[in-house]
N, C-alpha and C. Protein backbone atom coordinates (compact mmCIF):
# COMPACT_ATOMS: atom_id res chain seq x y z
N MET A 1 14.12 -51.02 35.34
CA MET A 1 12.98 -51.19 35.77
C MET A 1 12.05 -49.75 34.94
N PRO A 2 10.74 -50.09 34.56
CA PRO A 2 10.16 -49.59 33.76
C PRO A 2 9.52 -48.05 34.46
N ARG A 3 9.54 -46.85 33.60
CA ARG A 3 9.04 -45.92 34.38
C ARG A 3 8.00 -45.02 33.49
N LEU A 4 7.52 -43.85 33.74
CA LEU A 4 6.58 -43.45 33.46
C LEU A 4 7.01 -42.49 32.18
N PHE A 5 6.40 -42.30 30.82
CA PHE A 5 7.18 -41.79 29.92
C PHE A 5 6.34 -40.94 29.46
N TRP A 6 7.34 -40.05 28.66
CA TRP A 6 6.27 -39.35 28.10
C TRP A 6 5.66 -39.16 26.83
N ILE A 7 4.76 -38.75 26.39
CA ILE A 7 4.06 -39.00 25.46
C ILE A 7 4.16 -37.82 24.66
N PRO A 8 4.72 -37.85 23.04
CA PRO A 8 5.11 -36.45 22.39
C PRO A 8 3.82 -35.75 22.12
N LEU A 9 3.70 -34.50 22.08
CA LEU A 9 2.50 -33.79 21.62
C LEU A 9 2.02 -34.16 20.19
N LEU A 10 1.07 -34.59 20.04
CA LEU A 10 0.84 -34.79 18.49
C LEU A 10 0.04 -33.32 17.75
N ALA A 11 0.43 -33.42 16.74
CA ALA A 11 -0.52 -32.51 15.56
C ALA A 11 -1.03 -31.03 16.24
N LEU A 12 0.09 -30.54 16.85
CA LEU A 12 -0.09 -29.52 17.69
C LEU A 12 0.10 -28.10 16.51
N ALA A 13 0.73 -28.39 15.16
CA ALA A 13 0.88 -27.76 14.01
C ALA A 13 -0.56 -27.47 13.07
N LEU A 14 -1.30 -28.53 13.40
CA LEU A 14 -2.16 -28.66 12.74
C LEU A 14 -3.65 -27.80 13.58
N ILE A 15 -3.56 -27.13 14.39
CA ILE A 15 -4.59 -26.57 15.08
C ILE A 15 -5.65 -25.73 14.22
N ALA A 16 -5.33 -25.42 13.35
CA ALA A 16 -6.19 -24.69 12.22
C ALA A 16 -5.05 -24.48 10.99
N THR A 17 -6.12 -25.25 9.71
CA THR A 17 -5.32 -24.71 8.61
C THR A 17 -6.04 -23.62 7.66
N ALA A 18 -7.25 -22.96 8.42
CA ALA A 18 -7.90 -22.01 7.37
C ALA A 18 -8.29 -21.41 8.45
N GLN A 19 -9.32 -20.31 7.84
CA GLN A 19 -9.27 -19.12 8.93
C GLN A 19 -10.71 -19.59 9.86
N ASP A 20 -11.28 -20.53 9.74
CA ASP A 20 -12.52 -21.16 10.54
C ASP A 20 -11.73 -21.50 11.80
N ALA A 21 -10.52 -22.05 12.06
CA ALA A 21 -9.69 -22.47 12.93
C ALA A 21 -10.74 -23.49 13.63
N THR A 22 -10.75 -24.28 12.88
CA THR A 22 -11.30 -25.88 13.53
C THR A 22 -10.35 -26.38 14.59
N PRO A 23 -11.10 -26.58 15.56
CA PRO A 23 -10.07 -26.81 16.95
C PRO A 23 -9.43 -28.42 16.78
N PRO A 24 -8.64 -28.36 17.06
CA PRO A 24 -7.43 -29.73 16.86
C PRO A 24 -7.85 -30.89 17.67
N PRO A 25 -7.51 -32.02 16.98
CA PRO A 25 -7.87 -33.38 17.53
C PRO A 25 -7.64 -33.68 19.20
N LEU A 26 -6.66 -32.91 19.67
CA LEU A 26 -6.32 -32.90 21.09
C LEU A 26 -6.64 -31.72 21.73
N ASN A 27 -7.57 -30.89 21.18
CA ASN A 27 -7.77 -29.93 22.11
C ASN A 27 -9.48 -29.77 21.93
N ARG A 28 -10.56 -29.74 23.03
CA ARG A 28 -11.36 -29.77 23.24
C ARG A 28 -12.18 -28.30 23.20
N ALA A 29 -11.34 -27.37 23.39
CA ALA A 29 -11.80 -25.99 23.48
C ALA A 29 -12.82 -25.63 22.58
N PRO A 30 -13.71 -24.74 22.90
CA PRO A 30 -14.56 -24.07 21.71
C PRO A 30 -13.64 -23.11 21.02
N THR A 31 -14.31 -23.04 19.48
CA THR A 31 -13.60 -22.16 18.72
C THR A 31 -13.21 -20.68 19.26
N GLU A 32 -13.92 -19.97 19.92
CA GLU A 32 -13.52 -18.70 20.61
C GLU A 32 -12.55 -18.94 21.60
N ARG A 33 -12.22 -19.80 21.97
CA ARG A 33 -11.19 -20.13 23.00
C ARG A 33 -9.83 -20.31 22.44
N VAL A 34 -9.97 -20.89 20.93
CA VAL A 34 -8.52 -21.38 20.46
C VAL A 34 -8.36 -19.91 19.58
N GLY A 35 -9.21 -19.27 18.76
CA GLY A 35 -8.97 -18.44 18.14
C GLY A 35 -9.18 -18.46 16.71
N THR A 36 -8.29 -17.55 15.77
CA THR A 36 -8.34 -17.87 14.24
C THR A 36 -7.05 -17.53 14.08
N LEU A 37 -6.56 -18.06 12.84
CA LEU A 37 -5.33 -17.74 11.95
C LEU A 37 -5.70 -16.11 11.35
N PRO A 38 -4.84 -15.40 11.01
CA PRO A 38 -4.87 -13.90 10.42
C PRO A 38 -5.99 -14.32 9.11
N PRO A 39 -6.64 -13.32 9.01
CA PRO A 39 -7.57 -13.13 7.94
C PRO A 39 -6.56 -13.33 6.52
N ASP A 40 -7.35 -13.86 5.66
CA ASP A 40 -6.78 -14.07 4.05
C ASP A 40 -5.50 -14.95 4.21
N THR A 41 -5.53 -15.88 5.11
CA THR A 41 -4.22 -16.52 4.71
C THR A 41 -4.36 -18.38 4.29
N LEU A 42 -5.33 -18.40 4.08
CA LEU A 42 -6.08 -19.63 3.89
C LEU A 42 -5.12 -20.62 2.89
N ILE A 43 -4.45 -19.87 1.66
CA ILE A 43 -3.51 -20.35 0.74
C ILE A 43 -2.65 -20.81 1.84
N ILE A 44 -1.85 -19.65 2.31
CA ILE A 44 -0.57 -19.96 3.22
C ILE A 44 -0.55 -20.95 4.26
N SER A 45 -1.85 -21.31 5.02
CA SER A 45 -2.24 -22.09 5.85
C SER A 45 -2.10 -23.56 5.32
N GLN A 46 -2.79 -23.77 4.15
CA GLN A 46 -2.80 -24.87 3.47
C GLN A 46 -1.08 -25.25 3.07
N ARG A 47 -0.53 -24.34 2.55
CA ARG A 47 0.64 -24.85 2.38
C ARG A 47 1.75 -24.94 3.67
N ALA A 48 1.51 -24.12 4.74
CA ALA A 48 1.99 -24.41 5.95
C ALA A 48 1.87 -25.92 6.48
N ALA A 49 0.61 -26.51 6.11
CA ALA A 49 -0.09 -27.77 7.02
C ALA A 49 0.84 -28.88 5.77
N GLU A 50 0.67 -28.49 4.74
CA GLU A 50 1.48 -29.53 3.75
C GLU A 50 2.85 -29.92 3.69
N ALA A 51 3.32 -28.66 4.19
CA ALA A 51 4.77 -28.80 4.55
C ALA A 51 5.19 -29.41 5.56
N PHE A 52 4.57 -28.91 6.76
CA PHE A 52 4.68 -29.78 8.46
C PHE A 52 4.41 -31.17 8.27
N GLY A 53 3.31 -31.63 7.20
CA GLY A 53 2.98 -33.16 7.05
C GLY A 53 4.47 -33.89 6.09
N LYS A 54 4.86 -33.06 5.18
CA LYS A 54 6.07 -33.70 4.73
C LYS A 54 7.41 -33.71 5.62
N LYS A 55 7.26 -32.92 6.74
CA LYS A 55 8.34 -32.67 7.81
C LYS A 55 9.31 -31.75 7.05
N ASP A 56 9.13 -30.72 6.19
CA ASP A 56 9.58 -29.60 5.59
C ASP A 56 9.78 -28.26 6.29
N TRP A 57 10.41 -28.46 7.43
CA TRP A 57 10.59 -27.49 8.52
C TRP A 57 10.90 -26.27 7.96
N PRO A 58 11.67 -26.14 7.15
CA PRO A 58 12.45 -24.77 6.58
C PRO A 58 11.13 -24.04 5.97
N ALA A 59 10.12 -25.11 5.06
CA ALA A 59 8.87 -24.47 4.48
C ALA A 59 7.88 -23.99 5.26
N ALA A 60 7.66 -24.88 6.22
CA ALA A 60 6.52 -24.44 7.37
C ALA A 60 6.72 -23.48 8.16
N ARG A 61 8.34 -23.40 8.62
CA ARG A 61 8.65 -22.17 9.29
C ARG A 61 8.53 -20.95 8.50
N ALA A 62 8.82 -20.89 7.27
CA ALA A 62 8.14 -19.97 6.41
C ALA A 62 6.97 -19.28 6.37
N ALA A 63 6.00 -20.32 6.24
CA ALA A 63 4.81 -20.07 6.17
C ALA A 63 4.17 -19.39 7.05
N TYR A 64 4.57 -19.93 8.22
CA TYR A 64 3.94 -19.67 9.62
C TYR A 64 4.55 -18.31 9.75
N GLN A 65 6.04 -17.85 9.52
CA GLN A 65 6.47 -16.44 9.86
C GLN A 65 5.74 -15.49 8.75
N GLU A 66 5.37 -16.11 7.51
CA GLU A 66 4.44 -14.85 6.84
C GLU A 66 3.41 -14.58 7.25
N MET A 67 2.61 -15.78 7.99
CA MET A 67 1.22 -15.31 8.49
C MET A 67 1.66 -14.19 9.72
N LEU A 68 2.67 -14.18 10.42
CA LEU A 68 2.61 -13.36 11.53
C LEU A 68 3.22 -12.22 11.03
N LYS A 69 3.79 -11.71 9.87
CA LYS A 69 3.79 -10.58 9.50
C LYS A 69 2.72 -9.77 9.14
N SER A 70 1.63 -10.24 8.76
CA SER A 70 0.18 -9.74 8.62
C SER A 70 -0.45 -9.31 10.21
N ASP A 71 -0.09 -10.68 11.28
CA ASP A 71 -0.82 -10.51 12.61
C ASP A 71 0.28 -10.95 13.32
N PRO A 72 1.03 -10.03 14.02
CA PRO A 72 2.09 -10.37 14.78
C PRO A 72 1.63 -10.92 16.16
N GLU A 73 0.55 -10.67 17.02
CA GLU A 73 -0.03 -11.13 17.96
C GLU A 73 -1.07 -12.36 17.63
N ASN A 74 -1.13 -12.86 16.69
CA ASN A 74 -1.52 -14.14 16.30
C ASN A 74 -1.00 -14.93 17.16
N ALA A 75 -2.14 -15.59 18.32
CA ALA A 75 -1.69 -16.65 18.93
C ALA A 75 -1.41 -17.99 18.48
N LEU A 76 -2.56 -18.07 17.57
CA LEU A 76 -2.69 -19.32 17.02
C LEU A 76 -1.64 -19.58 15.73
N SER A 77 -0.79 -18.77 15.11
CA SER A 77 0.46 -18.73 14.49
C SER A 77 1.60 -19.00 15.09
N TRP A 78 1.33 -18.41 16.20
CA TRP A 78 3.10 -18.70 17.14
C TRP A 78 2.89 -19.87 17.73
N ALA A 79 1.45 -20.63 18.45
CA ALA A 79 1.53 -21.86 18.58
C ALA A 79 2.09 -22.66 17.40
N ASN A 80 2.00 -22.77 16.34
CA ASN A 80 1.97 -23.44 14.89
C ASN A 80 3.45 -23.53 14.77
N LEU A 81 4.14 -22.09 14.98
CA LEU A 81 5.60 -22.11 14.85
C LEU A 81 6.40 -22.53 15.85
N GLY A 82 5.88 -22.46 16.76
CA GLY A 82 6.16 -23.22 18.03
C GLY A 82 6.35 -24.70 17.72
N ALA A 83 5.48 -25.55 17.10
CA ALA A 83 5.32 -26.84 16.91
C ALA A 83 6.29 -27.46 15.70
N VAL A 84 6.48 -25.95 15.14
CA VAL A 84 7.65 -26.55 13.78
C VAL A 84 9.29 -26.72 14.32
N GLU A 85 9.26 -25.55 15.27
CA GLU A 85 10.63 -25.57 16.02
C GLU A 85 10.84 -26.67 16.91
N GLN A 86 9.74 -27.14 17.34
CA GLN A 86 9.66 -28.36 18.29
C GLN A 86 10.24 -29.22 17.57
N GLN A 87 9.46 -29.95 16.35
CA GLN A 87 9.73 -30.99 15.46
C GLN A 87 11.12 -30.80 15.15
N ALA A 88 11.56 -29.77 14.58
CA ALA A 88 12.61 -29.62 13.94
C ALA A 88 14.25 -29.19 15.06
N GLY A 89 13.63 -29.73 16.32
CA GLY A 89 14.90 -30.09 17.33
C GLY A 89 14.95 -28.43 17.56
N ASN A 90 14.50 -27.62 17.61
CA ASN A 90 15.06 -26.16 18.39
C ASN A 90 13.95 -25.95 19.18
N ILE A 91 14.50 -26.62 20.46
CA ILE A 91 13.83 -26.41 21.50
C ILE A 91 13.66 -25.11 22.11
N ASP A 92 14.62 -24.31 22.51
CA ASP A 92 14.55 -22.97 23.02
C ASP A 92 13.78 -22.00 22.07
N GLU A 93 13.92 -22.12 20.72
CA GLU A 93 12.78 -21.29 19.78
C GLU A 93 11.66 -21.84 19.96
N ALA A 94 11.18 -22.99 20.35
CA ALA A 94 9.72 -23.65 20.31
C ALA A 94 9.35 -23.00 21.54
N ILE A 95 10.12 -23.25 22.81
CA ILE A 95 9.71 -22.52 24.36
C ILE A 95 9.25 -21.10 24.03
N ALA A 96 10.14 -20.21 23.26
CA ALA A 96 10.04 -18.76 22.74
C ALA A 96 8.78 -18.61 22.09
N CYS A 97 8.29 -19.34 21.10
CA CYS A 97 7.10 -19.42 20.28
C CYS A 97 5.82 -19.65 21.17
N PHE A 98 5.93 -20.75 21.68
CA PHE A 98 4.76 -21.35 22.80
C PHE A 98 4.49 -20.11 23.69
N SER A 99 5.58 -19.57 24.18
CA SER A 99 5.30 -18.43 25.41
C SER A 99 4.65 -17.13 24.72
N LYS A 100 4.95 -16.66 23.61
CA LYS A 100 4.25 -15.78 22.78
C LYS A 100 2.73 -16.05 22.40
N SER A 101 2.54 -17.24 22.56
CA SER A 101 1.23 -17.65 22.01
C SER A 101 0.13 -17.48 23.29
N VAL A 102 0.88 -18.12 24.49
CA VAL A 102 -0.10 -18.16 25.72
C VAL A 102 0.03 -17.01 26.14
N ARG A 103 1.20 -15.63 26.02
CA ARG A 103 0.43 -14.47 26.25
C ARG A 103 -0.50 -13.83 25.34
N PHE A 104 -0.62 -14.01 24.05
CA PHE A 104 -1.38 -13.17 23.33
C PHE A 104 -3.02 -14.26 23.22
N ASN A 105 -2.97 -15.50 23.67
CA ASN A 105 -4.18 -15.74 24.09
C ASN A 105 -3.51 -17.01 25.07
N PRO A 106 -4.13 -16.84 26.43
CA PRO A 106 -3.60 -17.95 27.46
C PRO A 106 -4.71 -18.95 27.60
N GLN A 107 -5.86 -18.91 26.73
CA GLN A 107 -6.87 -20.04 26.72
C GLN A 107 -7.09 -21.12 25.75
N ILE A 108 -5.66 -21.04 25.24
CA ILE A 108 -5.05 -22.21 24.53
C ILE A 108 -4.41 -23.38 25.19
N SER A 109 -5.36 -24.36 25.76
CA SER A 109 -4.72 -25.71 26.78
C SER A 109 -3.46 -26.40 26.13
N GLN A 110 -3.78 -26.41 25.06
CA GLN A 110 -3.07 -27.26 24.35
C GLN A 110 -1.64 -26.58 24.13
N THR A 111 -1.38 -25.42 24.28
CA THR A 111 0.00 -24.74 23.95
C THR A 111 0.54 -24.65 25.41
N TRP A 112 -0.33 -24.63 26.48
CA TRP A 112 0.49 -24.72 27.82
C TRP A 112 1.03 -26.16 28.25
N SER A 113 0.33 -27.53 27.51
CA SER A 113 0.99 -28.48 27.14
C SER A 113 2.08 -28.65 27.02
N ALA A 114 2.08 -27.90 26.00
CA ALA A 114 3.63 -28.15 25.07
C ALA A 114 4.65 -27.60 25.50
N LEU A 115 4.48 -26.57 26.13
CA LEU A 115 5.39 -25.74 27.17
C LEU A 115 5.57 -26.68 28.15
N GLY A 116 4.71 -27.46 28.70
CA GLY A 116 4.96 -28.28 30.16
C GLY A 116 5.72 -29.49 29.31
N LEU A 117 5.85 -30.00 28.37
CA LEU A 117 6.48 -31.10 27.65
C LEU A 117 8.02 -30.54 27.52
N LEU A 118 7.83 -29.63 26.98
CA LEU A 118 9.38 -29.23 26.62
C LEU A 118 10.07 -28.70 27.88
N HIS A 119 9.32 -28.23 28.81
CA HIS A 119 10.17 -28.09 30.20
C HIS A 119 10.52 -29.27 31.13
N SER A 120 9.65 -30.07 30.93
CA SER A 120 10.06 -31.58 31.46
C SER A 120 11.41 -31.92 30.83
N ASN A 121 11.20 -31.95 29.34
CA ASN A 121 11.98 -32.73 28.61
C ASN A 121 13.57 -31.86 29.34
N LYS A 122 13.49 -30.42 29.60
CA LYS A 122 14.82 -29.82 30.18
C LYS A 122 14.88 -30.27 31.30
N GLY A 123 14.40 -30.85 31.94
CA GLY A 123 14.65 -31.36 33.63
C GLY A 123 13.60 -30.16 34.67
N ASP A 124 12.89 -29.24 33.97
CA ASP A 124 12.33 -28.01 34.87
C ASP A 124 11.15 -28.90 35.02
N THR A 125 11.17 -29.72 36.08
CA THR A 125 9.89 -30.43 36.52
C THR A 125 8.75 -29.46 37.29
N TYR A 126 9.35 -28.48 38.08
CA TYR A 126 8.34 -27.81 38.78
C TYR A 126 7.62 -26.73 37.86
N LEU A 127 8.44 -26.29 37.06
CA LEU A 127 7.70 -25.42 35.89
C LEU A 127 7.02 -26.05 35.26
N ALA A 128 7.24 -27.36 34.70
CA ALA A 128 6.34 -28.25 33.97
C ALA A 128 4.90 -28.44 34.43
N ILE A 129 5.03 -28.40 36.14
CA ILE A 129 3.95 -29.18 36.52
C ILE A 129 2.95 -27.58 36.60
N SER A 130 3.45 -26.40 36.61
CA SER A 130 2.73 -25.08 36.44
C SER A 130 2.10 -24.88 35.01
N MET A 131 2.78 -25.36 34.05
CA MET A 131 1.98 -25.41 32.70
C MET A 131 1.20 -26.40 32.55
N PHE A 132 1.23 -27.50 32.80
CA PHE A 132 0.42 -28.87 32.96
C PHE A 132 -0.74 -28.00 33.50
N THR A 133 -0.41 -27.70 35.15
CA THR A 133 -2.04 -27.11 35.74
C THR A 133 -2.65 -26.27 34.95
N ARG A 134 -1.78 -25.38 34.37
CA ARG A 134 -2.88 -23.99 33.76
C ARG A 134 -3.49 -24.68 32.69
N ALA A 135 -3.13 -25.57 32.10
CA ALA A 135 -3.66 -26.51 30.79
C ALA A 135 -4.69 -27.06 31.23
N ILE A 136 -5.13 -27.63 32.41
CA ILE A 136 -6.28 -28.31 33.04
C ILE A 136 -7.10 -27.19 33.53
N HIS A 137 -6.24 -25.85 34.00
CA HIS A 137 -7.32 -24.61 34.04
C HIS A 137 -8.19 -24.39 33.31
N GLU A 138 -7.28 -24.23 31.98
CA GLU A 138 -8.35 -23.85 30.82
C GLU A 138 -8.99 -24.72 30.30
N ASP A 139 -8.79 -26.00 30.25
CA ASP A 139 -9.68 -26.81 29.74
C ASP A 139 -9.46 -28.40 30.63
N PRO A 140 -10.41 -28.44 31.89
CA PRO A 140 -10.16 -29.25 32.69
C PRO A 140 -10.75 -30.66 32.19
N ALA A 141 -11.16 -30.64 30.91
CA ALA A 141 -11.71 -32.23 30.19
C ALA A 141 -10.68 -32.51 29.21
N ASP A 142 -9.48 -32.03 29.46
CA ASP A 142 -8.22 -32.38 28.37
C ASP A 142 -7.58 -33.41 29.13
N ALA A 143 -8.03 -34.75 28.58
CA ALA A 143 -7.24 -35.96 29.31
C ALA A 143 -5.88 -35.79 29.19
N ARG A 144 -5.25 -35.50 28.19
CA ARG A 144 -3.68 -35.84 27.94
C ARG A 144 -3.04 -35.03 28.99
N ALA A 145 -3.64 -33.52 29.23
CA ALA A 145 -3.25 -32.78 30.12
C ALA A 145 -3.22 -33.10 31.65
N HIS A 146 -4.03 -34.05 32.22
CA HIS A 146 -4.01 -34.75 33.18
C HIS A 146 -2.98 -35.76 32.96
N ASN A 147 -2.94 -36.46 32.10
CA ASN A 147 -1.79 -37.98 31.81
C ASN A 147 -0.60 -36.67 32.27
N TYR A 148 -0.18 -36.07 31.50
CA TYR A 148 1.33 -35.14 31.62
C TYR A 148 1.58 -34.81 32.73
N LEU A 149 0.40 -34.08 33.72
CA LEU A 149 0.83 -33.71 35.05
C LEU A 149 1.01 -34.81 36.17
N ALA A 150 0.30 -35.94 35.51
CA ALA A 150 0.79 -37.42 36.82
C ALA A 150 1.85 -37.66 36.17
N ILE A 151 2.30 -37.50 35.22
CA ILE A 151 3.91 -38.13 34.77
C ILE A 151 4.88 -37.28 35.64
N ALA A 152 4.88 -35.63 35.40
CA ALA A 152 5.46 -34.70 36.15
C ALA A 152 5.49 -35.39 37.54
N ALA A 153 4.20 -35.51 38.26
CA ALA A 153 4.16 -35.32 39.69
C ALA A 153 5.03 -36.62 40.21
N LYS A 154 4.84 -37.98 39.17
CA LYS A 154 5.43 -39.10 39.39
C LYS A 154 7.07 -38.96 39.43
N THR A 155 7.54 -38.24 38.49
CA THR A 155 9.09 -37.83 38.66
C THR A 155 9.42 -37.30 40.00
N LEU A 156 8.58 -36.42 40.73
CA LEU A 156 8.61 -36.22 41.79
C LEU A 156 8.63 -36.80 43.01
N GLY A 157 8.27 -37.97 42.67
CA GLY A 157 7.71 -39.04 43.89
C GLY A 157 6.18 -38.98 44.63
N TRP A 158 5.44 -38.07 43.82
CA TRP A 158 4.17 -37.78 44.24
C TRP A 158 2.97 -38.88 43.75
N ALA A 159 3.53 -39.77 44.64
CA ALA A 159 2.30 -41.43 43.75
C ALA A 159 0.81 -40.78 43.71
N ASP A 160 0.64 -40.44 44.94
CA ASP A 160 -1.10 -40.45 45.33
C ASP A 160 -1.52 -39.16 44.03
N THR A 161 -1.03 -38.18 43.86
CA THR A 161 -0.84 -37.27 42.77
C THR A 161 -0.86 -37.64 41.71
N ALA A 162 -0.43 -38.39 41.19
CA ALA A 162 0.25 -38.95 39.88
C ALA A 162 -0.97 -40.21 39.82
N GLU A 163 -1.38 -41.04 40.57
CA GLU A 163 -2.71 -41.87 40.25
C GLU A 163 -3.74 -41.07 40.29
N THR A 164 -4.01 -40.01 41.33
CA THR A 164 -5.55 -39.27 40.88
C THR A 164 -5.47 -38.84 39.50
N GLU A 165 -4.43 -38.32 38.94
CA GLU A 165 -4.43 -37.87 38.14
C GLU A 165 -4.50 -38.59 36.54
N LEU A 166 -3.77 -39.66 36.58
CA LEU A 166 -4.18 -40.93 35.63
C LEU A 166 -5.51 -41.06 35.64
N LEU A 167 -6.22 -41.37 37.00
CA LEU A 167 -7.61 -41.87 36.74
C LEU A 167 -8.49 -41.08 36.64
N ARG A 168 -8.03 -39.74 36.42
CA ARG A 168 -9.22 -38.69 36.10
C ARG A 168 -8.94 -38.87 34.44
N ALA A 169 -7.76 -38.83 34.09
CA ALA A 169 -7.37 -39.09 32.48
C ALA A 169 -8.45 -40.08 31.82
N ILE A 170 -8.65 -41.13 32.52
CA ILE A 170 -9.16 -42.19 32.02
C ILE A 170 -10.56 -42.12 32.01
N GLU A 171 -11.07 -41.17 33.22
CA GLU A 171 -12.63 -41.09 33.44
C GLU A 171 -12.99 -40.09 32.38
N LEU A 172 -12.08 -38.87 31.87
CA LEU A 172 -12.42 -38.04 30.84
C LEU A 172 -12.82 -38.88 29.74
N ASP A 173 -11.27 -39.86 29.15
CA ASP A 173 -11.41 -40.42 28.26
C ASP A 173 -11.17 -41.70 28.12
N PRO A 174 -11.89 -42.69 28.47
CA PRO A 174 -12.01 -43.99 28.67
C PRO A 174 -11.26 -44.91 27.47
N SER A 175 -10.78 -44.29 26.57
CA SER A 175 -10.24 -45.17 25.25
C SER A 175 -8.79 -44.40 25.00
N TYR A 176 -8.15 -43.78 25.89
CA TYR A 176 -7.07 -43.46 26.68
C TYR A 176 -5.73 -44.36 26.66
N GLY A 177 -5.48 -44.96 25.90
CA GLY A 177 -4.91 -46.08 26.26
C GLY A 177 -3.57 -46.05 26.67
N LEU A 178 -2.77 -44.87 26.50
CA LEU A 178 -1.66 -44.53 27.31
C LEU A 178 -1.74 -44.36 28.52
N ALA A 179 -2.79 -44.00 29.21
CA ALA A 179 -3.09 -43.64 30.79
C ALA A 179 -3.47 -44.72 31.27
N TYR A 180 -3.79 -45.79 30.85
CA TYR A 180 -3.75 -47.25 31.44
C TYR A 180 -2.69 -47.79 31.44
N PHE A 181 -1.73 -47.34 30.12
CA PHE A 181 -0.46 -48.27 30.41
C PHE A 181 0.03 -47.39 31.57
N ASN A 182 0.45 -46.30 31.61
CA ASN A 182 1.08 -45.37 32.41
C ASN A 182 0.59 -46.15 34.15
N LEU A 183 -0.76 -46.04 34.14
CA LEU A 183 -1.41 -46.66 35.48
C LEU A 183 -0.80 -48.01 35.77
N SER A 184 -0.29 -49.04 34.75
CA SER A 184 -0.09 -50.10 35.43
C SER A 184 1.34 -50.42 35.44
N LEU A 185 2.15 -49.30 34.61
CA LEU A 185 3.64 -49.30 35.51
C LEU A 185 3.70 -48.55 36.74
N MET A 186 2.51 -47.78 36.77
CA MET A 186 2.77 -47.04 38.36
C MET A 186 2.25 -48.43 39.35
N TYR A 187 1.40 -49.24 39.05
CA TYR A 187 1.17 -50.31 40.01
C TYR A 187 2.12 -51.26 40.46
N LEU A 188 2.72 -51.27 39.13
CA LEU A 188 3.75 -52.41 39.22
C LEU A 188 5.05 -52.09 39.96
N ASN A 189 5.43 -50.58 39.91
CA ASN A 189 6.46 -50.34 40.83
C ASN A 189 6.15 -50.05 42.27
N GLN A 190 5.13 -50.15 42.56
CA GLN A 190 4.75 -49.71 44.01
C GLN A 190 5.34 -50.61 44.76
N THR A 191 5.47 -50.42 45.96
CA THR A 191 6.46 -51.16 46.92
C THR A 191 5.46 -51.42 48.03
N PRO A 192 4.49 -52.99 48.24
CA PRO A 192 4.98 -53.89 47.24
C PRO A 192 3.85 -53.77 45.87
N PRO A 193 4.38 -54.31 44.60
CA PRO A 193 3.60 -54.31 43.79
C PRO A 193 2.25 -54.48 43.85
N ALA A 194 1.26 -53.65 43.02
CA ALA A 194 0.04 -54.22 42.93
C ALA A 194 -0.43 -55.13 41.59
N ILE A 195 0.04 -56.37 41.72
CA ILE A 195 -0.19 -57.04 40.75
C ILE A 195 -1.09 -57.08 39.90
N GLU A 196 -2.55 -57.22 40.22
CA GLU A 196 -3.58 -57.68 39.62
C GLU A 196 -4.08 -56.20 39.12
N LEU A 197 -3.78 -54.90 40.00
CA LEU A 197 -4.26 -53.55 39.25
C LEU A 197 -3.34 -53.56 37.95
N ALA A 198 -1.96 -53.79 37.91
CA ALA A 198 -1.17 -53.56 37.14
C ALA A 198 -1.68 -54.16 35.78
N LYS A 199 -1.76 -55.94 36.27
CA LYS A 199 -2.08 -56.55 34.72
C LYS A 199 -3.44 -56.14 34.21
N ARG A 200 -4.71 -55.83 35.24
CA ARG A 200 -5.98 -55.33 34.65
C ARG A 200 -5.53 -53.94 33.71
N HIS A 201 -4.85 -53.13 33.86
CA HIS A 201 -4.73 -51.79 33.45
C HIS A 201 -3.88 -52.06 32.29
N TYR A 202 -3.03 -52.61 32.20
CA TYR A 202 -2.00 -53.12 30.98
C TYR A 202 -2.80 -53.82 29.77
N GLU A 203 -3.50 -54.86 30.27
CA GLU A 203 -4.52 -55.72 29.21
C GLU A 203 -5.45 -54.68 28.64
N LYS A 204 -5.96 -53.51 29.36
CA LYS A 204 -7.15 -52.49 28.82
C LYS A 204 -6.07 -51.69 28.09
N ALA A 205 -4.87 -51.03 28.04
CA ALA A 205 -3.85 -50.33 27.41
C ALA A 205 -3.52 -51.01 26.17
N LEU A 206 -3.28 -52.78 26.19
CA LEU A 206 -2.99 -53.38 25.06
C LEU A 206 -4.51 -53.41 23.88
N ALA A 207 -5.44 -53.50 24.96
CA ALA A 207 -6.72 -53.59 23.97
C ALA A 207 -7.08 -52.39 23.24
N LEU A 208 -6.63 -51.16 23.83
CA LEU A 208 -7.06 -49.71 23.17
C LEU A 208 -5.62 -49.71 22.02
N GLY A 209 -4.80 -50.70 21.97
CA GLY A 209 -3.95 -50.52 20.88
C GLY A 209 -2.64 -49.96 21.13
N VAL A 210 -1.70 -49.76 22.32
CA VAL A 210 -0.88 -49.49 23.08
C VAL A 210 -0.13 -50.66 22.56
N ALA A 211 1.16 -50.55 22.49
CA ALA A 211 2.06 -52.04 22.14
C ALA A 211 2.57 -52.73 23.37
N LYS A 212 2.93 -53.60 22.98
CA LYS A 212 3.65 -54.42 24.18
C LYS A 212 4.91 -53.80 25.00
N ASP A 213 4.88 -54.22 26.06
CA ASP A 213 6.18 -53.86 26.63
C ASP A 213 6.87 -54.97 27.17
N GLU A 214 7.94 -55.38 27.20
CA GLU A 214 8.55 -56.84 27.09
C GLU A 214 8.83 -56.37 28.80
N ILE A 215 9.30 -55.49 29.40
CA ILE A 215 9.72 -55.47 30.82
C ILE A 215 8.45 -55.67 31.95
N ILE A 216 7.22 -55.32 31.22
CA ILE A 216 6.06 -55.47 31.95
C ILE A 216 5.55 -56.59 31.60
N GLU A 217 5.82 -57.13 30.50
CA GLU A 217 5.33 -58.74 30.14
C GLU A 217 5.75 -59.68 31.18
N ARG A 218 7.47 -59.45 31.56
CA ARG A 218 8.27 -60.16 32.26
C ARG A 218 7.53 -60.38 33.58
N LYS A 219 7.43 -58.76 34.30
CA LYS A 219 7.28 -58.71 35.84
C LYS A 219 6.34 -59.44 35.91
N LEU A 220 4.90 -59.09 34.79
CA LEU A 220 3.67 -59.73 35.23
C LEU A 220 3.61 -61.24 35.33
N LYS A 221 4.64 -62.01 34.92
CA LYS A 221 4.78 -63.28 34.81
C LYS A 221 5.64 -64.00 35.74
N GLU A 222 6.39 -63.21 36.65
CA GLU A 222 7.29 -63.07 37.84
C GLU A 222 6.64 -63.89 38.96
């Protein structure tokens, strides 16, 4: 039976690649809430971004660690280092880095979402929910945080909460295909299934570029 699935956090290590701290694609927070990288680190940040793009985790790690030597409390550098550790498969190290990031700047909503995803993948669903809730508190317009919260809520059987959060995600970002996909799964797994609602949201997800799912395709034809 299909189930709501986790969507990997994308591009967190590209939160900023220069002193101006350009907001990341997945974070709508204004620059003053995101923060900046340490001063005079433009070359290092470019090297770090290039290494991350090549999946050269040791080089990316070394670059962000070098930044932290000049500013040990820089939240953005800790978040980027956490993303490197996450991608490298070092989950506990990633959690430690993200935790330091939110300690030094609790306003970066994307870092709270990163923590939520990691804790959820470890099975700490209640802790994950608290992280996603904090992400939404910091940036109520973050559609992905609402999607993540919905998935965690569904894991605990909180169907009404999950539906509310997914609908909110779509309201905030009508082009968010994965939220439509998750809604279609939820409607399909209801008792009894809401076939028409599931079909409508599934077709919308496909139109927005989400890949076809064989299980959903088969169930919609039954």
